């Protein structure tokens, strides 16, 4: 079915998966935030916890990118891990 603007009114498999994933992530963020405020007692605790985890995530992403850049050729993660940890 097509609307007057020319868009189809349908949801494909990818769209449905993204809707479910977004709902789960969004509700998880709000549930965890409530528990963190109950534990920490203040909103600033929550903000600093999110900032700290964001910084740690950026460091992790940069470390992973640096590690992958040292790989001699493009490959999957498993062979690269096996090469880097082999005796």
C-alpha atoms as a PDB file:
ATOM      1  CA  UNK A   1       0.000   0.000   0.000  1.00  0.00           C
ATOM      2  CA  UNK A   2       1.380   3.392  -0.970  1.00  0.00           C
ATOM      3  CA  UNK A   3       0.493   6.653   0.761  1.00  0.00           C
ATOM      4  CA  UNK A   4      -0.145   9.976  -0.964  1.00  0.00           C
ATOM      5  CA  UNK A   5       3.490  10.975  -0.407  1.00  0.00           C
ATOM      6  CA  UNK A   6       4.743   7.882  -2.251  1.00  0.00           C
ATOM      7  CA  UNK A   7       6.083   5.936   0.736  1.00  0.00           C
ATOM      8  CA  UNK A   8       5.174   2.295   1.321  1.00  0.00           C
ATOM      9  CA  UNK A   9       3.581   1.425   4.657  1.00  0.00           C
ATOM     10  CA  UNK A  10       5.451  -1.774   5.491  1.00  0.00           C
ATOM     11  CA  UNK A  11       8.067  -3.081   7.878  1.00  0.00           C
ATOM     12  CA  UNK A  12      10.685  -5.506   6.644  1.00  0.00           C
ATOM     13  CA  UNK A  13      12.762  -7.952   8.661  1.00  0.00           C
ATOM     14  CA  UNK A  14      15.648  -5.510   9.176  1.00  0.00           C
ATOM     15  CA  UNK A  15      13.267  -2.753  10.279  1.00  0.00           C
ATOM     16  CA  UNK A  16      11.570  -5.074  12.765  1.00  0.00           C
ATOM     17  CA  UNK A  17      14.901  -6.204  14.210  1.00  0.00           C
ATOM     18  CA  UNK A  18      16.054  -2.598  14.612  1.00  0.00           C
ATOM     19  CA  UNK A  19      12.791  -1.634  16.335  1.00  0.00           C
ATOM     20  CA  UNK A  20      13.134  -4.470  18.841  1.00  0.00           C
ATOM     21  CA  UNK A  21      16.843  -3.798  19.451  1.00  0.00           C
ATOM     22  CA  UNK A  22      16.200  -0.078  19.933  1.00  0.00           C
ATOM     23  CA  UNK A  23      13.380  -0.765  22.368  1.00  0.00           C
ATOM     24  CA  UNK A  24      15.502  -3.159  24.392  1.00  0.00           C
ATOM     25  CA  UNK A  25      18.517  -0.840  24.513  1.00  0.00           C
ATOM     26  CA  UNK A  26      16.384   2.203  25.298  1.00  0.00           C
ATOM     27  CA  UNK A  27      14.481   0.544  28.111  1.00  0.00           C
ATOM     28  CA  UNK A  28      17.724  -0.906  29.493  1.00  0.00           C
ATOM     29  CA  UNK A  29      19.295   2.548  29.632  1.00  0.00           C
ATOM     30  CA  UNK A  30      16.382   3.953  31.614  1.00  0.00           C
ATOM     31  CA  UNK A  31      16.136   0.960  33.967  1.00  0.00           C
ATOM     32  CA  UNK A  32      19.870   0.986  34.692  1.00  0.00           C
ATOM     33  CA  UNK A  33      19.853   4.759  35.194  1.00  0.00           C
ATOM     34  CA  UNK A  34      17.143   4.457  37.853  1.00  0.00           C
ATOM     35  CA  UNK A  35      19.089   1.784  39.720  1.00  0.00           C
ATOM     36  CA  UNK A  36      22.275   3.842  39.525  1.00  0.00           C
ATOM     37  CA  UNK A  37      20.582   6.933  40.971  1.00  0.00           C
ATOM     38  CA  UNK A  38      19.140   4.805  43.787  1.00  0.00           C
ATOM     39  CA  UNK A  39      22.616   3.425  44.499  1.00  0.00           C
ATOM     40  CA  UNK A  40      24.615   6.627  44.064  1.00  0.00           C
ATOM     41  CA  UNK A  41      22.046   8.986  45.486  1.00  0.00           C
ATOM     42  CA  UNK A  42      22.695  11.910  43.129  1.00  0.00           C
ATOM     43  CA  UNK A  43      22.309  12.703  39.477  1.00  0.00           C
ATOM     44  CA  UNK A  44      25.923  13.795  39.235  1.00  0.00           C
ATOM     45  CA  UNK A  45      26.991  10.252  40.147  1.00  0.00           C
ATOM     46  CA  UNK A  46      25.060   9.004  37.131  1.00  0.00           C
ATOM     47  CA  UNK A  47      26.550  11.606  34.791  1.00  0.00           C
ATOM     48  CA  UNK A  48      30.118  10.895  35.920  1.00  0.00           C
ATOM     49  CA  UNK A  49      29.571   7.155  35.619  1.00  0.00           C
ATOM     50  CA  UNK A  50      28.367   7.590  32.016  1.00  0.00           C
ATOM     51  CA  UNK A  51      31.288   9.909  31.214  1.00  0.00           C
ATOM     52  CA  UNK A  52      33.790   7.444  32.693  1.00  0.00           C
ATOM     53  CA  UNK A  53      32.351   4.485  30.779  1.00  0.00           C
ATOM     54  CA  UNK A  54      32.300   6.575  27.591  1.00  0.00           C
ATOM     55  CA  UNK A  55      35.995   7.433  27.996  1.00  0.00           C
ATOM     56  CA  UNK A  56      36.857   3.788  28.694  1.00  0.00           C
ATOM     57  CA  UNK A  57      34.886   2.739  25.608  1.00  0.00           C
ATOM     58  CA  UNK A  58      36.797   5.225  23.434  1.00  0.00           C
ATOM     59  CA  UNK A  59      40.128   3.925  24.794  1.00  0.00           C
ATOM     60  CA  UNK A  60      39.017   0.365  24.064  1.00  0.00           C
ATOM     61  CA  UNK A  61      37.976   1.268  20.518  1.00  0.00           C
ATOM     62  CA  UNK A  62      41.270   3.077  19.864  1.00  0.00           C
ATOM     63  CA  UNK A  63      43.269   0.151  21.249  1.00  0.00           C
ATOM     64  CA  UNK A  64      41.355  -2.275  19.061  1.00  0.00           C
ATOM     65  CA  UNK A  65      41.831  -0.049  15.998  1.00  0.00           C
ATOM     66  CA  UNK A  66      45.558   0.233  16.670  1.00  0.00           C
ATOM     67  CA  UNK A  67      45.858  -3.512  17.131  1.00  0.00           C
ATOM     68  CA  UNK A  68      43.980  -4.175  13.870  1.00  0.00           C
ATOM     69  CA  UNK A  69      46.103  -1.592  12.008  1.00  0.00           C
ATOM     70  CA  UNK A  70      49.231  -3.598  12.887  1.00  0.00           C
ATOM     71  CA  UNK A  71      47.812  -6.655  11.150  1.00  0.00           C
ATOM     72  CA  UNK A  72      49.766  -7.430   7.978  1.00  0.00           C
ATOM     73  CA  UNK A  73      46.629  -8.150   5.953  1.00  0.00           C
ATOM     74  CA  UNK A  74      42.895  -7.853   6.388  1.00  0.00           C
ATOM     75  CA  UNK A  75      41.599 -10.891   8.232  1.00  0.00           C
ATOM     76  CA  UNK A  76      38.957 -11.993  10.636  1.00  0.00           C
ATOM     77  CA  UNK A  77      39.520 -11.461  14.355  1.00  0.00           C
ATOM     78  CA  UNK A  78      40.090 -15.126  15.209  1.00  0.00           C
ATOM     79  CA  UNK A  79      43.245 -15.679  13.087  1.00  0.00           C
ATOM     80  CA  UNK A  80      44.639 -12.333  14.212  1.00  0.00           C
ATOM     81  CA  UNK A  81      44.071 -13.217  17.882  1.00  0.00           C
ATOM     82  CA  UNK A  82      45.662 -16.623  17.347  1.00  0.00           C
ATOM     83  CA  UNK A  83      48.753 -15.031  15.741  1.00  0.00           C
ATOM     84  CA  UNK A  84      49.122 -12.390  18.429  1.00  0.00           C
ATOM     85  CA  UNK A  85      48.795 -14.814  21.352  1.00  0.00           C
ATOM     86  CA  UNK A  86      50.620 -17.824  19.938  1.00  0.00           C
ATOM     87  CA  UNK A  87      53.820 -18.941  21.718  1.00  0.00           C
END
